[in-house]
Amino acid sequence: GVLAEAKKAHAANVDLVVFPELTLSSYAIDDLLLQHALIER
């Protein structure tokens, strides 16, 4: 999802793109944030 929007921004000649908080992991995942597998991924 990040790369799809980044490519759209590139095509639109955007200089700076700001994504939401904890974009890659998701935000509302509670104790999954303490899982090594997730952090490494």
All heavy atoms as atom14 arrays in JSON, in Angstrom:
{
  "sequence": "GVLAEAKKAHAANVDLVVFPELTLSSYAIDDLLLQHALIER",
  "atom14_mask": [
    [1, 1, 1, 1, 0, 0, 0, 0, 0, 0, 0, 0, 0, 0],
    [1, 1, 1, 1, 1, 1, 1, 0, 0, 0, 0, 0, 0, 0],
    [1, 1, 1, 1, 1, 1, 1, 1, 0, 0, 0, 0, 0, 0],
    [1, 1, 1, 1, 1, 0, 0, 0, 0, 0, 0, 0, 0, 0],
    [1, 1, 1, 1, 1, 1, 1, 1, 1, 0, 0, 0, 0, 0],
    [1, 1, 1, 1, 1, 0, 0, 0, 0, 0, 0, 0, 0, 0],
    [1, 1, 1, 1, 1, 1, 1, 1, 1, 0, 0, 0, 0, 0],
    [1, 1, 1, 1, 1, 1, 1, 1, 1, 0, 0, 0, 0, 0],
    [1, 1, 1, 1, 1, 0, 0, 0, 0, 0, 0, 0, 0, 0],
    [1, 1, 1, 1, 1, 1, 1, 1, 1, 1, 0, 0, 0, 0],
    [1, 1, 1, 1, 1, 0, 0, 0, 0, 0, 0, 0, 0, 0],
    [1, 1, 1, 1, 1, 0, 0, 0, 0, 0, 0, 0, 0, 0],
    [1, 1, 1, 1, 1, 1, 1, 1, 0, 0, 0, 0, 0, 0],
    [1, 1, 1, 1, 1, 1, 1, 0, 0, 0, 0, 0, 0, 0],
    [1, 1, 1, 1, 1, 1, 1, 1, 0, 0, 0, 0, 0, 0],
    [1, 1, 1, 1, 1, 1, 1, 1, 0, 0, 0, 0, 0, 0],
    [1, 1, 1, 1, 1, 1, 1, 0, 0, 0, 0, 0, 0, 0],
    [1, 1, 1, 1, 1, 1, 1, 0, 0, 0, 0, 0, 0, 0],
    [1, 1, 1, 1, 1, 1, 1, 1, 1, 1, 1, 0, 0, 0],
    [1, 1, 1, 1, 1, 1, 1, 0, 0, 0, 0, 0, 0, 0],
    [1, 1, 1, 1, 1, 1, 1, 1, 1, 0, 0, 0, 0, 0],
    [1, 1, 1, 1, 1, 1, 1, 1, 0, 0, 0, 0, 0, 0],
    [1, 1, 1, 1, 1, 1, 1, 0, 0, 0, 0, 0, 0, 0],
    [1, 1, 1, 1, 1, 1, 1, 1, 0, 0, 0, 0, 0, 0],
    [1, 1, 1, 1, 1, 1, 0, 0, 0, 0, 0, 0, 0, 0],
    [1, 1, 1, 1, 1, 1, 0, 0, 0, 0, 0, 0, 0, 0],
    [1, 1, 1, 1, 1, 1, 1, 1, 1, 1, 1, 1, 0, 0],
    [1, 1, 1, 1, 1, 0, 0, 0, 0, 0, 0, 0, 0, 0],
    [1, 1, 1, 1, 1, 1, 1, 1, 0, 0, 0, 0, 0, 0],
    [1, 1, 1, 1, 1, 1, 1, 1, 0, 0, 0, 0, 0, 0],
    [1, 1, 1, 1, 1, 1, 1, 1, 0, 0, 0, 0, 0, 0],
    [1, 1, 1, 1, 1, 1, 1, 1, 0, 0, 0, 0, 0, 0],
    [1, 1, 1, 1, 1, 1, 1, 1, 0, 0, 0, 0, 0, 0],
    [1, 1, 1, 1, 1, 1, 1, 1, 0, 0, 0, 0, 0, 0],
    [1, 1, 1, 1, 1, 1, 1, 1, 1, 0, 0, 0, 0, 0],
    [1, 1, 1, 1, 1, 1, 1, 1, 1, 1, 0, 0, 0, 0],
    [1, 1, 1, 1, 1, 0, 0, 0, 0, 0, 0, 0, 0, 0],
    [1, 1, 1, 1, 1, 1, 1, 1, 0, 0, 0, 0, 0, 0],
    [1, 1, 1, 1, 1, 1, 1, 1, 0, 0, 0, 0, 0, 0],
    [1, 1, 1, 1, 1, 1, 1, 1, 1, 0, 0, 0, 0, 0],
    [1, 1, 1, 1, 1, 1, 1, 1, 1, 1, 1, 0, 0, 0]
  ],
  "atom14_positions": [
    [[0.81, -1.21, 0.0], [0.0, 0.0, 0.0], [0.84, 1.26, 0.0], [0.53, 2.23, -0.7], [0.0, 0.0, 0.0], [0.0, 0.0, 0.0], [0.0, 0.0, 0.0], [0.0, 0.0, 0.0], [0.0, 0.0, 0.0], [0.0, 0.0, 0.0], [0.0, 0.0, 0.0], [0.0, 0.0, 0.0], [0.0, 0.0, 0.0], [0.0, 0.0, 0.0]],
    [[1.92, 1.25, 0.78], [2.83, 2.4, 0.81], [3.44, 2.63, -0.56], [3.47, 3.76, -1.07], [3.93, 2.18, 1.87], [5.07, 3.19, 1.67], [3.36, 2.3, 3.27], [0.0, 0.0, 0.0], [0.0, 0.0, 0.0], [0.0, 0.0, 0.0], [0.0, 0.0, 0.0], [0.0, 0.0, 0.0], [0.0, 0.0, 0.0], [0.0, 0.0, 0.0]],
    [[3.93, 1.59, -1.17], [4.6, 1.73, -2.46], [3.62, 2.14, -3.56], [3.98, 2.89, -4.48], [5.32, 0.43, -2.83], [6.5, 0.07, -1.92], [7.11, -1.26, -2.32], [7.56, 1.18, -1.96], [0.0, 0.0, 0.0], [0.0, 0.0, 0.0], [0.0, 0.0, 0.0], [0.0, 0.0, 0.0], [0.0, 0.0, 0.0], [0.0, 0.0, 0.0]],
    [[2.39, 1.68, -3.47], [1.39, 2.09, -4.46], [1.15, 3.59, -4.4], [1.09, 4.27, -5.45], [0.08, 1.32, -4.23], [0.0, 0.0, 0.0], [0.0, 0.0, 0.0], [0.0, 0.0, 0.0], [0.0, 0.0, 0.0], [0.0, 0.0, 0.0], [0.0, 0.0, 0.0], [0.0, 0.0, 0.0], [0.0, 0.0, 0.0], [0.0, 0.0, 0.0]],
    [[1.01, 4.12, -3.2], [0.8, 5.57, -3.07], [2.07, 6.35, -3.43], [2.0, 7.44, -3.99], [0.35, 5.92, -1.64], [-0.96, 5.28, -1.22], [-2.08, 5.51, -2.23], [-2.3, 6.68, -2.62], [-2.72, 4.52, -2.64], [0.0, 0.0, 0.0], [0.0, 0.0, 0.0], [0.0, 0.0, 0.0], [0.0, 0.0, 0.0], [0.0, 0.0, 0.0]],
    [[3.23, 5.78, -3.11], [4.49, 6.44, -3.45], [4.66, 6.56, -4.96], [5.13, 7.58, -5.48], [5.66, 5.68, -2.84], [0.0, 0.0, 0.0], [0.0, 0.0, 0.0], [0.0, 0.0, 0.0], [0.0, 0.0, 0.0], [0.0, 0.0, 0.0], [0.0, 0.0, 0.0], [0.0, 0.0, 0.0], [0.0, 0.0, 0.0], [0.0, 0.0, 0.0]],
    [[4.26, 5.53, -5.68], [4.36, 5.57, -7.15], [3.36, 6.56, -7.74], [3.67, 7.27, -8.71], [4.13, 4.17, -7.71], [5.28, 3.21, -7.4], [4.96, 1.77, -7.8], [6.1, 0.84, -7.4], [5.77, -0.58, -7.68], [0.0, 0.0, 0.0], [0.0, 0.0, 0.0], [0.0, 0.0, 0.0], [0.0, 0.0, 0.0], [0.0, 0.0, 0.0]],
    [[2.17, 6.63, -7.16], [1.2, 7.64, -7.61], [1.74, 9.05, -7.35], [1.59, 9.95, -8.18], [-0.13, 7.44, -6.88], [-0.95, 6.27, -7.37], [-2.01, 5.82, -6.39], [-2.95, 6.92, -5.96], [-3.99, 6.42, -5.02], [0.0, 0.0, 0.0], [0.0, 0.0, 0.0], [0.0, 0.0, 0.0], [0.0, 0.0, 0.0], [0.0, 0.0, 0.0]],
    [[2.38, 9.23, -6.21], [2.95, 10.53, -5.89], [4.08, 10.87, -6.84], [4.23, 12.03, -7.27], [3.46, 10.52, -4.45], [0.0, 0.0, 0.0], [0.0, 0.0, 0.0], [0.0, 0.0, 0.0], [0.0, 0.0, 0.0], [0.0, 0.0, 0.0], [0.0, 0.0, 0.0], [0.0, 0.0, 0.0], [0.0, 0.0, 0.0], [0.0, 0.0, 0.0]],
    [[4.88, 9.9, -7.21], [5.96, 10.12, -8.17], [5.38, 10.58, -9.51], [5.89, 11.54, -10.12], [6.75, 8.83, -8.35], [7.78, 8.87, -9.44], [9.03, 9.42, -9.27], [7.73, 8.46, -10.74], [9.71, 9.33, -10.4], [8.94, 8.75, -11.3], [0.0, 0.0, 0.0], [0.0, 0.0, 0.0], [0.0, 0.0, 0.0], [0.0, 0.0, 0.0]],
    [[4.32, 9.93, -9.94], [3.7, 10.3, -11.21], [3.09, 11.7, -11.15], [2.99, 12.38, -12.18], [2.62, 9.28, -11.58], [0.0, 0.0, 0.0], [0.0, 0.0, 0.0], [0.0, 0.0, 0.0], [0.0, 0.0, 0.0], [0.0, 0.0, 0.0], [0.0, 0.0, 0.0], [0.0, 0.0, 0.0], [0.0, 0.0, 0.0], [0.0, 0.0, 0.0]],
    [[2.71, 12.14, -9.97], [2.11, 13.47, -9.8], [3.15, 14.53, -9.45], [2.78, 15.65, -9.1], [1.03, 13.42, -8.72], [0.0, 0.0, 0.0], [0.0, 0.0, 0.0], [0.0, 0.0, 0.0], [0.0, 0.0, 0.0], [0.0, 0.0, 0.0], [0.0, 0.0, 0.0], [0.0, 0.0, 0.0], [0.0, 0.0, 0.0], [0.0, 0.0, 0.0]],
    [[4.43, 14.17, -9.52], [5.54, 15.12, -9.25], [5.49, 15.68, -7.83], [5.83, 16.84, -7.59], [5.52, 16.27, -10.26], [5.68, 15.8, -11.68], [6.61, 15.08, -12.01], [4.74, 16.18, -12.54], [0.0, 0.0, 0.0], [0.0, 0.0, 0.0], [0.0, 0.0, 0.0], [0.0, 0.0, 0.0], [0.0, 0.0, 0.0], [0.0, 0.0, 0.0]],
    [[5.1, 14.83, -6.89], [5.06, 15.23, -5.49], [6.47, 15.22, -4.91], [7.28, 14.34, -5.22], [4.13, 14.29, -4.68], [4.21, 14.58, -3.19], [2.7, 14.43, -5.18], [0.0, 0.0, 0.0], [0.0, 0.0, 0.0], [0.0, 0.0, 0.0], [0.0, 0.0, 0.0], [0.0, 0.0, 0.0], [0.0, 0.0, 0.0], [0.0, 0.0, 0.0]],
    [[6.76, 16.19, -4.05], [8.07, 16.28, -3.42], [8.12, 15.56, -2.08], [9.17, 15.02, -1.7], [8.45, 17.75, -3.21], [8.58, 18.51, -4.52], [9.37, 18.08, -5.37], [7.87, 19.52, -4.68], [0.0, 0.0, 0.0], [0.0, 0.0, 0.0], [0.0, 0.0, 0.0], [0.0, 0.0, 0.0], [0.0, 0.0, 0.0], [0.0, 0.0, 0.0]],
    [[7.03, 15.58, -1.33], [7.02, 15.05, 0.04], [5.69, 14.35, 0.3], [4.63, 14.94, 0.08], [7.21, 16.2, 1.04], [7.1, 15.86, 2.53], [8.27, 14.99, 2.97], [7.06, 17.14, 3.36], [0.0, 0.0, 0.0], [0.0, 0.0, 0.0], [0.0, 0.0, 0.0], [0.0, 0.0, 0.0], [0.0, 0.0, 0.0], [0.0, 0.0, 0.0]],
    [[5.76, 13.09, 0.76], [4.56, 12.33, 1.07], [4.59, 11.94, 2.55], [5.58, 11.38, 3.02], [4.44, 11.05, 0.22], [3.09, 10.37, 0.48], [4.62, 11.35, -1.25], [0.0, 0.0, 0.0], [0.0, 0.0, 0.0], [0.0, 0.0, 0.0], [0.0, 0.0, 0.0], [0.0, 0.0, 0.0], [0.0, 0.0, 0.0], [0.0, 0.0, 0.0]],
    [[3.51, 12.24, 3.26], [3.4, 11.92, 4.68], [2.36, 10.82, 4.86], [1.19, 11.0, 4.5], [3.02, 13.16, 5.51], [2.91, 12.8, 6.99], [4.06, 14.27, 5.31], [0.0, 0.0, 0.0], [0.0, 0.0, 0.0], [0.0, 0.0, 0.0], [0.0, 0.0, 0.0], [0.0, 0.0, 0.0], [0.0, 0.0, 0.0], [0.0, 0.0, 0.0]],
    [[2.8, 9.7, 5.44], [1.93, 8.56, 5.69], [1.45, 8.57, 7.14], [1.98, 9.29, 7.98], [2.68, 7.26, 5.39], [2.95, 7.03, 3.93], [4.11, 7.51, 3.33], [2.05, 6.32, 3.15], [4.36, 7.3, 1.99], [2.29, 6.1, 1.8], [3.45, 6.59, 1.22], [0.0, 0.0, 0.0], [0.0, 0.0, 0.0], [0.0, 0.0, 0.0]],
    [[0.46, 7.72, 7.48], [-0.03, 7.68, 8.87], [0.98, 7.05, 9.83], [1.98, 6.45, 9.44], [-1.3, 6.83, 8.77], [-1.7, 6.89, 7.33], [-0.41, 6.97, 6.57], [0.0, 0.0, 0.0], [0.0, 0.0, 0.0], [0.0, 0.0, 0.0], [0.0, 0.0, 0.0], [0.0, 0.0, 0.0], [0.0, 0.0, 0.0], [0.0, 0.0, 0.0]],
    [[0.67, 7.15, 11.08], [1.48, 6.6, 12.17], [1.54, 5.07, 12.07], [0.55, 4.4, 11.76], [0.82, 7.02, 13.49], [1.55, 6.62, 14.75], [0.86, 7.17, 16.0], [-0.28, 7.69, 15.87], [1.46, 7.08, 17.08], [0.0, 0.0, 0.0], [0.0, 0.0, 0.0], [0.0, 0.0, 0.0], [0.0, 0.0, 0.0], [0.0, 0.0, 0.0]],
    [[2.74, 4.53, 12.36], [2.97, 3.08, 12.33], [2.42, 2.46, 11.04], [1.72, 1.44, 11.05], [2.35, 2.41, 13.56], [2.97, 2.82, 14.91], [2.25, 2.14, 16.07], [4.46, 2.52, 14.96], [0.0, 0.0, 0.0], [0.0, 0.0, 0.0], [0.0, 0.0, 0.0], [0.0, 0.0, 0.0], [0.0, 0.0, 0.0], [0.0, 0.0, 0.0]],
    [[2.78, 3.09, 9.93], [2.22, 2.71, 8.63], [2.43, 1.23, 8.32], [1.51, 0.55, 7.83], [2.9, 3.53, 7.52], [3.16, 4.85, 7.98], [2.05, 3.57, 6.27], [0.0, 0.0, 0.0], [0.0, 0.0, 0.0], [0.0, 0.0, 0.0], [0.0, 0.0, 0.0], [0.0, 0.0, 0.0], [0.0, 0.0, 0.0], [0.0, 0.0, 0.0]],
    [[3.63, 0.73, 8.56], [3.98, -0.62, 8.1], [3.38, -1.71, 8.98], [3.0, -2.78, 8.49], [5.49, -0.77, 8.03], [6.19, 0.14, 7.01], [7.7, -0.06, 7.05], [5.67, -0.14, 5.6], [0.0, 0.0, 0.0], [0.0, 0.0, 0.0], [0.0, 0.0, 0.0], [0.0, 0.0, 0.0], [0.0, 0.0, 0.0], [0.0, 0.0, 0.0]],
    [[3.27, -1.45, 10.28], [2.79, -2.49, 11.18], [1.29, -2.44, 11.41], [0.67, -3.45, 11.77], [3.5, -2.38, 12.53], [3.19, -1.13, 13.14], [0.0, 0.0, 0.0], [0.0, 0.0, 0.0], [0.0, 0.0, 0.0], [0.0, 0.0, 0.0], [0.0, 0.0, 0.0], [0.0, 0.0, 0.0], [0.0, 0.0, 0.0], [0.0, 0.0, 0.0]],
    [[0.69, -1.28, 11.24], [-0.64, -0.89, 11.7], [-0.49, -0.35, 13.11], [0.47, -0.67, 13.84], [-1.67, -2.02, 11.71], [-1.81, -2.57, 10.42], [0.0, 0.0, 0.0], [0.0, 0.0, 0.0], [0.0, 0.0, 0.0], [0.0, 0.0, 0.0], [0.0, 0.0, 0.0], [0.0, 0.0, 0.0], [0.0, 0.0, 0.0], [0.0, 0.0, 0.0]],
    [[-1.45, 0.5, 13.52], [-1.36, 1.14, 14.82], [-2.06, 0.34, 15.92], [-1.48, 0.05, 16.97], [-1.97, 2.55, 14.75], [-2.02, 3.25, 16.09], [-0.9, 3.91, 16.59], [-3.19, 3.24, 16.85], [-0.94, 4.53, 17.83], [-3.24, 3.87, 18.09], [-2.11, 4.52, 18.58], [-2.14, 5.14, 19.8], [0.0, 0.0, 0.0], [0.0, 0.0, 0.0]],
    [[-3.3, -0.03, 15.68], [-4.12, -0.62, 16.75], [-3.93, -2.13, 16.83], [-4.85, -2.92, 16.61], [-5.59, -0.27, 16.53], [0.0, 0.0, 0.0], [0.0, 0.0, 0.0], [0.0, 0.0, 0.0], [0.0, 0.0, 0.0], [0.0, 0.0, 0.0], [0.0, 0.0, 0.0], [0.0, 0.0, 0.0], [0.0, 0.0, 0.0], [0.0, 0.0, 0.0]],
    [[-2.7, -2.53, 17.16], [-2.42, -3.98, 17.24], [-1.95, -4.38, 18.64], [-1.54, -5.53, 18.86], [-1.39, -4.4, 16.18], [-0.08, -3.61, 16.32], [-1.97, -4.24, 14.77], [1.01, -4.09, 15.36], [0.0, 0.0, 0.0], [0.0, 0.0, 0.0], [0.0, 0.0, 0.0], [0.0, 0.0, 0.0], [0.0, 0.0, 0.0], [0.0, 0.0, 0.0]],
    [[-1.97, -3.44, 19.57], [-1.75, -3.74, 20.98], [-0.48, -4.57, 21.2], [0.59, -4.2, 20.74], [-2.98, -4.43, 21.57], [-4.2, -3.52, 21.56], [-4.05, -2.35, 21.94], [-5.28, -3.98, 21.14], [0.0, 0.0, 0.0], [0.0, 0.0, 0.0], [0.0, 0.0, 0.0], [0.0, 0.0, 0.0], [0.0, 0.0, 0.0], [0.0, 0.0, 0.0]],
    [[-0.6, -5.72, 21.87], [0.58, -6.47, 22.28], [1.29, -7.19, 21.14], [2.38, -7.75, 21.34], [0.21, -7.48, 23.37], [-0.08, -6.81, 24.7], [0.1, -5.57, 24.79], [-0.5, -7.51, 25.65], [0.0, 0.0, 0.0], [0.0, 0.0, 0.0], [0.0, 0.0, 0.0], [0.0, 0.0, 0.0], [0.0, 0.0, 0.0], [0.0, 0.0, 0.0]],
    [[0.7, -7.14, 19.94], [1.43, -7.67, 18.79], [2.7, -6.86, 18.54], [3.64, -7.34, 17.9], [0.55, -7.67, 17.54], [-0.72, -8.53, 17.59], [-1.42, -8.51, 16.23], [-0.4, -9.97, 18.01], [0.0, 0.0, 0.0], [0.0, 0.0, 0.0], [0.0, 0.0, 0.0], [0.0, 0.0, 0.0], [0.0, 0.0, 0.0], [0.0, 0.0, 0.0]],
    [[2.71, -5.62, 19.06], [3.9, -4.79, 18.92], [5.08, -5.35, 19.72], [6.23, -4.93, 19.5], [3.6, -3.36, 19.38], [2.73, -2.52, 18.45], [2.16, -1.32, 19.17], [3.53, -2.09, 17.22], [0.0, 0.0, 0.0], [0.0, 0.0, 0.0], [0.0, 0.0, 0.0], [0.0, 0.0, 0.0], [0.0, 0.0, 0.0], [0.0, 0.0, 0.0]],
    [[4.82, -6.27, 20.61], [5.88, -6.86, 21.42], [6.34, -8.21, 20.86], [7.13, -8.91, 21.5], [5.4, -7.02, 22.86], [4.98, -5.72, 23.56], [4.47, -5.99, 24.96], [6.13, -4.72, 23.59], [0.0, 0.0, 0.0], [0.0, 0.0, 0.0], [0.0, 0.0, 0.0], [0.0, 0.0, 0.0], [0.0, 0.0, 0.0], [0.0, 0.0, 0.0]],
    [[5.85, -8.55, 19.69], [6.24, -9.8, 19.04], [7.46, -9.58, 18.15], [7.45, -8.73, 17.25], [5.07, -10.33, 18.2], [3.88, -10.79, 19.02], [4.18, -12.06, 19.77], [4.68, -13.05, 19.19], [3.9, -12.07, 21.07], [0.0, 0.0, 0.0], [0.0, 0.0, 0.0], [0.0, 0.0, 0.0], [0.0, 0.0, 0.0], [0.0, 0.0, 0.0]],
    [[8.51, -10.37, 18.4], [9.76, -10.21, 17.64], [9.53, -10.41, 16.15], [10.14, -9.73, 15.31], [10.82, -11.18, 18.14], [11.31, -10.85, 19.52], [12.05, -9.73, 19.81], [11.17, -11.52, 20.7], [12.34, -9.7, 21.09], [11.82, -10.78, 21.66], [0.0, 0.0, 0.0], [0.0, 0.0, 0.0], [0.0, 0.0, 0.0], [0.0, 0.0, 0.0]],
    [[8.68, -11.36, 15.79], [8.46, -11.66, 14.37], [7.93, -10.42, 13.64], [8.36, -10.11, 12.52], [7.48, -12.82, 14.22], [0.0, 0.0, 0.0], [0.0, 0.0, 0.0], [0.0, 0.0, 0.0], [0.0, 0.0, 0.0], [0.0, 0.0, 0.0], [0.0, 0.0, 0.0], [0.0, 0.0, 0.0], [0.0, 0.0, 0.0], [0.0, 0.0, 0.0]],
    [[7.03, -9.71, 14.29], [6.45, -8.52, 13.66], [7.5, -7.41, 13.53], [7.64, -6.8, 12.46], [5.27, -8.01, 14.47], [4.59, -6.77, 13.84], [3.54, -7.21, 12.83], [3.97, -5.88, 14.88], [0.0, 0.0, 0.0], [0.0, 0.0, 0.0], [0.0, 0.0, 0.0], [0.0, 0.0, 0.0], [0.0, 0.0, 0.0], [0.0, 0.0, 0.0]],
    [[8.25, -7.18, 14.58], [9.25, -6.1, 14.55], [10.31, -6.39, 13.49], [10.72, -5.49, 12.75], [9.89, -5.93, 15.94], [8.83, -5.59, 16.99], [10.97, -4.85, 15.9], [8.01, -4.36, 16.67], [0.0, 0.0, 0.0], [0.0, 0.0, 0.0], [0.0, 0.0, 0.0], [0.0, 0.0, 0.0], [0.0, 0.0, 0.0], [0.0, 0.0, 0.0]],
    [[10.73, -7.63, 13.4], [11.74, -7.98, 12.39], [11.17, -7.85, 10.99], [11.87, -7.41, 10.06], [12.23, -9.4, 12.65], [13.07, -9.52, 13.92], [13.36, -10.96, 14.3], [12.92, -11.88, 13.57], [14.02, -11.18, 15.35], [0.0, 0.0, 0.0], [0.0, 0.0, 0.0], [0.0, 0.0, 0.0], [0.0, 0.0, 0.0], [0.0, 0.0, 0.0]],
    [[9.89, -8.23, 10.82], [9.28, -8.12, 9.48], [9.14, -6.66, 9.07], [9.28, -6.32, 7.88], [7.9, -8.8, 9.49], [7.22, -8.79, 8.12], [8.0, -9.6, 7.09], [7.43, -9.53, 5.76], [7.73, -8.63, 4.84], [8.62, -7.68, 5.11], [7.16, -8.67, 3.66], [0.0, 0.0, 0.0], [0.0, 0.0, 0.0], [0.0, 0.0, 0.0]]
  ]
}
